[in-house]
Amino acid sequence: MFHCERCGIRFSAGALSGRMDCPRCKSRDGVTVLLAWEPMLAARAEAARAQARTETSRGRERVPVGPAP
């Protein structure tokens, strides 16, 4: 994951399509801000995806979690 230290938005590497500057800051304010790499967040996201794949392959059903009524 990449994030902008100026506006706080986060992007996956695939969503950026090779860009290394923040598209939000560029379009909204006309400034170029380089994005910072977050290896810890990327590792956690990949671990969560791997766990979800494992649970799905074991036949466990994924239950959506939402606000309590």
PDB file of N, CA and C in Angstrom:
ATOM      1  N   MET A   1       0.837  -1.179   0.000  1.00  0.00           N
ATOM      2  CA  MET A   1       0.000   0.000   0.000  1.00  0.00           C
ATOM      3  C   MET A   1       0.883   1.243   0.000  1.00  0.00           C
ATOM      4  N   PHE A   2       0.380   2.256  -0.666  1.00  0.00           N
ATOM      5  CA  PHE A   2       1.026   3.562  -0.693  1.00  0.00           C
ATOM      6  C   PHE A   2       0.085   4.560  -0.041  1.00  0.00           C
ATOM      7  N   HIS A   3       0.635   5.571   0.586  1.00  0.00           N
ATOM      8  CA  HIS A   3      -0.219   6.611   1.155  1.00  0.00           C
ATOM      9  C   HIS A   3       0.390   7.988   0.920  1.00  0.00           C
ATOM     10  N   CYS A   4      -0.501   8.980   0.929  1.00  0.00           N
ATOM     11  CA  CYS A   4      -0.085  10.373   0.774  1.00  0.00           C
ATOM     12  C   CYS A   4       0.022  10.979   2.174  1.00  0.00           C
ATOM     13  N   GLU A   5       1.180  11.492   2.496  1.00  0.00           N
ATOM     14  CA  GLU A   5       1.378  12.091   3.817  1.00  0.00           C
ATOM     15  C   GLU A   5       0.689  13.436   3.937  1.00  0.00           C
ATOM     16  N   ARG A   6       0.272  14.016   2.822  1.00  0.00           N
ATOM     17  CA  ARG A   6      -0.388  15.323   2.851  1.00  0.00           C
ATOM     18  C   ARG A   6      -1.886  15.185   3.122  1.00  0.00           C
ATOM     19  N   CYS A   7      -2.574  14.337   2.326  1.00  0.00           N
ATOM     20  CA  CYS A   7      -4.032  14.232   2.478  1.00  0.00           C
ATOM     21  C   CYS A   7      -4.468  12.948   3.179  1.00  0.00           C
ATOM     22  N   GLY A   8      -3.566  11.952   3.296  1.00  0.00           N
ATOM     23  CA  GLY A   8      -3.866  10.743   4.044  1.00  0.00           C
ATOM     24  C   GLY A   8      -4.523   9.622   3.256  1.00  0.00           C
ATOM     25  N   ILE A   9      -4.804   9.821   1.971  1.00  0.00           N
ATOM     26  CA  ILE A   9      -5.448   8.772   1.186  1.00  0.00           C
ATOM     27  C   ILE A   9      -4.474   7.625   0.941  1.00  0.00           C
ATOM     28  N   ARG A  10      -5.022   6.404   0.803  1.00  0.00           N
ATOM     29  CA  ARG A  10      -4.194   5.221   0.573  1.00  0.00           C
ATOM     30  C   ARG A  10      -4.564   4.581  -0.759  1.00  0.00           C
ATOM     31  N   PHE A  11      -3.558   3.981  -1.432  1.00  0.00           N
ATOM     32  CA  PHE A  11      -3.752   3.349  -2.720  1.00  0.00           C
ATOM     33  C   PHE A  11      -3.043   2.008  -2.733  1.00  0.00           C
ATOM     34  N   SER A  12      -3.615   1.053  -3.445  1.00  0.00           N
ATOM     35  CA  SER A  12      -2.891  -0.184  -3.721  1.00  0.00           C
ATOM     36  C   SER A  12      -1.994   0.070  -4.922  1.00  0.00           C
ATOM     37  N   ALA A  13      -1.002  -0.768  -5.093  1.00  0.00           N
ATOM     38  CA  ALA A  13      -0.073  -0.587  -6.208  1.00  0.00           C
ATOM     39  C   ALA A  13      -0.808  -0.704  -7.542  1.00  0.00           C
ATOM     40  N   GLY A  14      -1.786  -1.572  -7.627  1.00  0.00           N
ATOM     41  CA  GLY A  14      -2.532  -1.746  -8.865  1.00  0.00           C
ATOM     42  C   GLY A  14      -3.378  -0.542  -9.223  1.00  0.00           C
ATOM     43  N   ALA A  15      -3.893   0.144  -8.247  1.00  0.00           N
ATOM     44  CA  ALA A  15      -4.751   1.302  -8.499  1.00  0.00           C
ATOM     45  C   ALA A  15      -3.962   2.496  -9.025  1.00  0.00           C
ATOM     46  N   LEU A  16      -2.678   2.529  -8.773  1.00  0.00           N
ATOM     47  CA  LEU A  16      -1.865   3.674  -9.176  1.00  0.00           C
ATOM     48  C   LEU A  16      -1.443   3.639 -10.630  1.00  0.00           C
ATOM     49  N   SER A  17      -1.401   2.477 -11.233  1.00  0.00           N
ATOM     50  CA  SER A  17      -0.981   2.329 -12.635  1.00  0.00           C
ATOM     51  C   SER A  17       0.369   2.986 -12.900  1.00  0.00           C
ATOM     52  N   GLY A  18       1.315   2.777 -12.021  1.00  0.00           N
ATOM     53  CA  GLY A  18       2.667   3.286 -12.232  1.00  0.00           C
ATOM     54  C   GLY A  18       2.923   4.698 -11.728  1.00  0.00           C
ATOM     55  N   ARG A  19       1.897   5.400 -11.294  1.00  0.00           N
ATOM     56  CA  ARG A  19       2.104   6.767 -10.781  1.00  0.00           C
ATOM     57  C   ARG A  19       2.741   6.703  -9.399  1.00  0.00           C
ATOM     58  N   MET A  20       3.538   7.677  -9.082  1.00  0.00           N
ATOM     59  CA  MET A  20       4.149   7.738  -7.764  1.00  0.00           C
ATOM     60  C   MET A  20       3.793   9.029  -7.042  1.00  0.00           C
ATOM     61  N   ASP A  21       2.870   9.808  -7.615  1.00  0.00           N
ATOM     62  CA  ASP A  21       2.418  11.022  -6.947  1.00  0.00           C
ATOM     63  C   ASP A  21       0.926  10.888  -6.643  1.00  0.00           C
ATOM     64  N   CYS A  22       0.455  11.672  -5.712  1.00  0.00           N
ATOM     65  CA  CYS A  22      -0.926  11.583  -5.258  1.00  0.00           C
ATOM     66  C   CYS A  22      -1.874  12.225  -6.278  1.00  0.00           C
ATOM     67  N   PRO A  23      -2.770  11.429  -6.862  1.00  0.00           N
ATOM     68  CA  PRO A  23      -3.701  12.000  -7.841  1.00  0.00           C
ATOM     69  C   PRO A  23      -4.715  12.952  -7.211  1.00  0.00           C
ATOM     70  N   ARG A  24      -5.062  12.735  -5.953  1.00  0.00           N
ATOM     71  CA  ARG A  24      -6.021  13.627  -5.285  1.00  0.00           C
ATOM     72  C   ARG A  24      -5.427  15.014  -5.083  1.00  0.00           C
ATOM     73  N   CYS A  25      -4.222  15.079  -4.542  1.00  0.00           N
ATOM     74  CA  CYS A  25      -3.580  16.379  -4.313  1.00  0.00           C
ATOM     75  C   CYS A  25      -3.315  17.098  -5.631  1.00  0.00           C
ATOM     76  N   LYS A  26      -2.955  16.318  -6.670  1.00  0.00           N
ATOM     77  CA  LYS A  26      -2.668  16.917  -7.976  1.00  0.00           C
ATOM     78  C   LYS A  26      -3.924  17.521  -8.585  1.00  0.00           C
ATOM     79  N   SER A  27      -5.043  16.792  -8.534  1.00  0.00           N
ATOM     80  CA  SER A  27      -6.265  17.303  -9.159  1.00  0.00           C
ATOM     81  C   SER A  27      -6.954  18.360  -8.303  1.00  0.00           C
ATOM     82  N   ARG A  28      -6.941  18.197  -6.997  1.00  0.00           N
ATOM     83  CA  ARG A  28      -7.665  19.121  -6.127  1.00  0.00           C
ATOM     84  C   ARG A  28      -6.900  20.413  -5.879  1.00  0.00           C
ATOM     85  N   ASP A  29      -5.594  20.293  -5.594  1.00  0.00           N
ATOM     86  CA  ASP A  29      -4.812  21.469  -5.196  1.00  0.00           C
ATOM     87  C   ASP A  29      -3.710  21.840  -6.185  1.00  0.00           C
ATOM     88  N   GLY A  30      -3.478  21.007  -7.192  1.00  0.00           N
ATOM     89  CA  GLY A  30      -2.444  21.300  -8.178  1.00  0.00           C
ATOM     90  C   GLY A  30      -1.025  21.147  -7.673  1.00  0.00           C
ATOM     91  N   VAL A  31      -0.830  20.338  -6.626  1.00  0.00           N
ATOM     92  CA  VAL A  31       0.511  20.119  -6.088  1.00  0.00           C
ATOM     93  C   VAL A  31       0.922  18.668  -6.313  1.00  0.00           C
ATOM     94  N   THR A  32       2.222  18.454  -6.452  1.00  0.00           N
ATOM     95  CA  THR A  32       2.758  17.111  -6.634  1.00  0.00           C
ATOM     96  C   THR A  32       3.337  16.637  -5.314  1.00  0.00           C
ATOM     97  N   VAL A  33       2.768  15.545  -4.799  1.00  0.00           N
ATOM     98  CA  VAL A  33       3.213  14.966  -3.529  1.00  0.00           C
ATOM     99  C   VAL A  33       3.554  13.507  -3.783  1.00  0.00           C
ATOM    100  N   LEU A  34       4.788  13.116  -3.511  1.00  0.00           N
ATOM    101  CA  LEU A  34       5.175  11.727  -3.697  1.00  0.00           C
ATOM    102  C   LEU A  34       4.510  10.849  -2.642  1.00  0.00           C
ATOM    103  N   LEU A  35       4.105   9.651  -3.057  1.00  0.00           N
ATOM    104  CA  LEU A  35       3.458   8.716  -2.150  1.00  0.00           C
ATOM    105  C   LEU A  35       4.500   7.919  -1.382  1.00  0.00           C
ATOM    106  N   ALA A  36       4.176   7.566  -0.156  1.00  0.00           N
ATOM    107  CA  ALA A  36       5.073   6.786   0.695  1.00  0.00           C
ATOM    108  C   ALA A  36       4.605   5.328   0.719  1.00  0.00           C
ATOM    109  N   TRP A  37       5.540   4.404   0.743  1.00  0.00           N
ATOM    110  CA  TRP A  37       5.253   2.971   0.771  1.00  0.00           C
ATOM    111  C   TRP A  37       5.025   2.520   2.208  1.00  0.00           C
ATOM    112  N   GLU A  38       4.001   1.710   2.440  1.00  0.00           N
ATOM    113  CA  GLU A  38       3.692   1.173   3.771  1.00  0.00           C
ATOM    114  C   GLU A  38       3.834  -0.342   3.744  1.00  0.00           C
ATOM    115  N   PRO A  39       5.026  -0.872   3.958  1.00  0.00           N
ATOM    116  CA  PRO A  39       5.192  -2.329   3.881  1.00  0.00           C
ATOM    117  C   PRO A  39       4.420  -3.081   4.958  1.00  0.00           C
ATOM    118  N   MET A  40       4.281  -2.515   6.138  1.00  0.00           N
ATOM    119  CA  MET A  40       3.555  -3.208   7.214  1.00  0.00           C
ATOM    120  C   MET A  40       2.084  -3.356   6.848  1.00  0.00           C
ATOM    121  N   LEU A  41       1.484  -2.321   6.320  1.00  0.00           N
ATOM    122  CA  LEU A  41       0.080  -2.371   5.954  1.00  0.00           C
ATOM    123  C   LEU A  41      -0.133  -3.354   4.810  1.00  0.00           C
ATOM    124  N   ALA A  42       0.783  -3.374   3.858  1.00  0.00           N
ATOM    125  CA  ALA A  42       0.678  -4.301   2.740  1.00  0.00           C
ATOM    126  C   ALA A  42       0.791  -5.741   3.226  1.00  0.00           C
ATOM    127  N   ALA A  43       1.685  -5.995   4.170  1.00  0.00           N
ATOM    128  CA  ALA A  43       1.842  -7.344   4.701  1.00  0.00           C
ATOM    129  C   ALA A  43       0.582  -7.783   5.443  1.00  0.00           C
ATOM    130  N   ARG A  44      -0.023  -6.887   6.221  1.00  0.00           N
ATOM    131  CA  ARG A  44      -1.254  -7.223   6.928  1.00  0.00           C
ATOM    132  C   ARG A  44      -2.403  -7.498   5.970  1.00  0.00           C
ATOM    133  N   ALA A  45      -2.498  -6.697   4.917  1.00  0.00           N
ATOM    134  CA  ALA A  45      -3.562  -6.889   3.932  1.00  0.00           C
ATOM    135  C   ALA A  45      -3.393  -8.227   3.227  1.00  0.00           C
ATOM    136  N   GLU A  46      -2.173  -8.575   2.854  1.00  0.00           N
ATOM    137  CA  GLU A  46      -1.925  -9.854   2.196  1.00  0.00           C
ATOM    138  C   GLU A  46      -2.216 -11.021   3.137  1.00  0.00           C
ATOM    139  N   ALA A  47      -1.870 -10.894   4.418  1.00  0.00           N
ATOM    140  CA  ALA A  47      -2.168 -11.941   5.386  1.00  0.00           C
ATOM    141  C   ALA A  47      -3.675 -12.132   5.542  1.00  0.00           C
ATOM    142  N   ALA A  48      -4.426 -11.052   5.549  1.00  0.00           N
ATOM    143  CA  ALA A  48      -5.889 -11.145   5.652  1.00  0.00           C
ATOM    144  C   ALA A  48      -6.480 -11.812   4.416  1.00  0.00           C
ATOM    145  N   ARG A  49      -5.953 -11.472   3.227  1.00  0.00           N
ATOM    146  CA  ARG A  49      -6.440 -12.119   1.997  1.00  0.00           C
ATOM    147  C   ARG A  49      -6.117 -13.602   2.002  1.00  0.00           C
ATOM    148  N   ALA A  50      -4.913 -13.965   2.454  1.00  0.00           N
ATOM    149  CA  ALA A  50      -4.525 -15.375   2.509  1.00  0.00           C
ATOM    150  C   ALA A  50      -5.409 -16.142   3.479  1.00  0.00           C
ATOM    151  N   GLN A  51      -5.722 -15.545   4.617  1.00  0.00           N
ATOM    152  CA  GLN A  51      -6.592 -16.199   5.588  1.00  0.00           C
ATOM    153  C   GLN A  51      -7.996 -16.378   5.016  1.00  0.00           C
ATOM    154  N   ALA A  52      -8.497 -15.380   4.310  1.00  0.00           N
ATOM    155  CA  ALA A  52      -9.825 -15.481   3.707  1.00  0.00           C
ATOM    156  C   ALA A  52      -9.855 -16.588   2.655  1.00  0.00           C
ATOM    157  N   ARG A  53      -8.784 -16.694   1.852  1.00  0.00           N
ATOM    158  CA  ARG A  53      -8.725 -17.761   0.851  1.00  0.00           C
ATOM    159  C   ARG A  53      -8.696 -19.120   1.524  1.00  0.00           C
ATOM    160  N   THR A  54      -7.951 -19.244   2.621  1.00  0.00           N
ATOM    161  CA  THR A  54      -7.853 -20.506   3.339  1.00  0.00           C
ATOM    162  C   THR A  54      -9.202 -20.898   3.931  1.00  0.00           C
ATOM    163  N   GLU A  55      -9.881 -19.947   4.542  1.00  0.00           N
ATOM    164  CA  GLU A  55     -11.178 -20.238   5.139  1.00  0.00           C
ATOM    165  C   GLU A  55     -12.207 -20.607   4.079  1.00  0.00           C
ATOM    166  N   THR A  56     -12.148 -19.956   2.932  1.00  0.00           N
ATOM    167  CA  THR A  56     -13.077 -20.265   1.850  1.00  0.00           C
ATOM    168  C   THR A  56     -12.802 -21.656   1.303  1.00  0.00           C
ATOM    169  N   SER A  57     -11.521 -22.016   1.174  1.00  0.00           N
ATOM    170  CA  SER A  57     -11.186 -23.334   0.641  1.00  0.00           C
ATOM    171  C   SER A  57     -11.542 -24.445   1.622  1.00  0.00           C
ATOM    172  N   ARG A  58     -11.644 -24.152   2.898  1.00  0.00           N
ATOM    173  CA  ARG A  58     -12.036 -25.143   3.903  1.00  0.00           C
ATOM    174  C   ARG A  58     -13.546 -25.303   3.988  1.00  0.00           C
ATOM    175  N   GLY A  59     -14.265 -24.519   3.225  1.00  0.00           N
ATOM    176  CA  GLY A  59     -15.717 -24.633   3.233  1.00  0.00           C
ATOM    177  C   GLY A  59     -16.402 -23.703   4.210  1.00  0.00           C
ATOM    178  N   ARG A  60     -15.658 -22.852   4.873  1.00  0.00           N
ATOM    179  CA  ARG A  60     -16.275 -21.889   5.785  1.00  0.00           C
ATOM    180  C   ARG A  60     -16.921 -20.787   4.980  1.00  0.00           C
ATOM    181  N   GLU A  61     -18.061 -20.378   5.402  1.00  0.00           N
ATOM    182  CA  GLU A  61     -18.747 -19.304   4.719  1.00  0.00           C
ATOM    183  C   GLU A  61     -18.350 -17.991   5.353  1.00  0.00           C
ATOM    184  N   ARG A  62     -18.081 -17.003   4.510  1.00  0.00           N
ATOM    185  CA  ARG A  62     -17.747 -15.677   5.025  1.00  0.00           C
ATOM    186  C   ARG A  62     -19.042 -14.944   5.345  1.00  0.00           C
ATOM    187  N   VAL A  63     -19.113 -14.411   6.536  1.00  0.00           N
ATOM    188  CA  VAL A  63     -20.300 -13.702   6.991  1.00  0.00           C
ATOM    189  C   VAL A  63     -20.001 -12.214   7.028  1.00  0.00           C
ATOM    190  N   PRO A  64     -20.812 -11.408   6.317  1.00  0.00           N
ATOM    191  CA  PRO A  64     -20.580  -9.956   6.360  1.00  0.00           C
ATOM    192  C   PRO A  64     -20.866  -9.400   7.747  1.00  0.00           C
ATOM    193  N   VAL A  65     -20.046  -8.461   8.165  1.00  0.00           N
ATOM    194  CA  VAL A  65     -20.220  -7.833   9.472  1.00  0.00           C
ATOM    195  C   VAL A  65     -20.696  -6.396   9.249  1.00  0.00           C
ATOM    196  N   GLY A  66     -21.736  -6.047   9.935  1.00  0.00           N
ATOM    197  CA  GLY A  66     -22.274  -4.704   9.798  1.00  0.00           C
ATOM    198  C   GLY A  66     -22.663  -4.143  11.149  1.00  0.00           C
ATOM    199  N   PRO A  67     -23.218  -2.950  11.161  1.00  0.00           N
ATOM    200  CA  PRO A  67     -23.625  -2.359  12.440  1.00  0.00           C
ATOM    201  C   PRO A  67     -24.794  -3.129  13.050  1.00  0.00           C
ATOM    202  N   ALA A  68     -24.828  -3.134  14.342  1.00  0.00           N
ATOM    203  CA  ALA A  68     -25.916  -3.814  15.066  1.00  0.00           C
ATOM    204  C   ALA A  68     -27.221  -3.041  14.879  1.00  0.00           C
ATOM    205  N   PRO A  69     -28.333  -3.742  14.795  1.00  0.00           N
ATOM    206  CA  PRO A  69     -29.628  -3.043  14.611  1.00  0.00           C
ATOM    207  C   PRO A  69     -30.032  -2.246  15.812  1.00  0.00           C
TER     208      PRO A  69
END
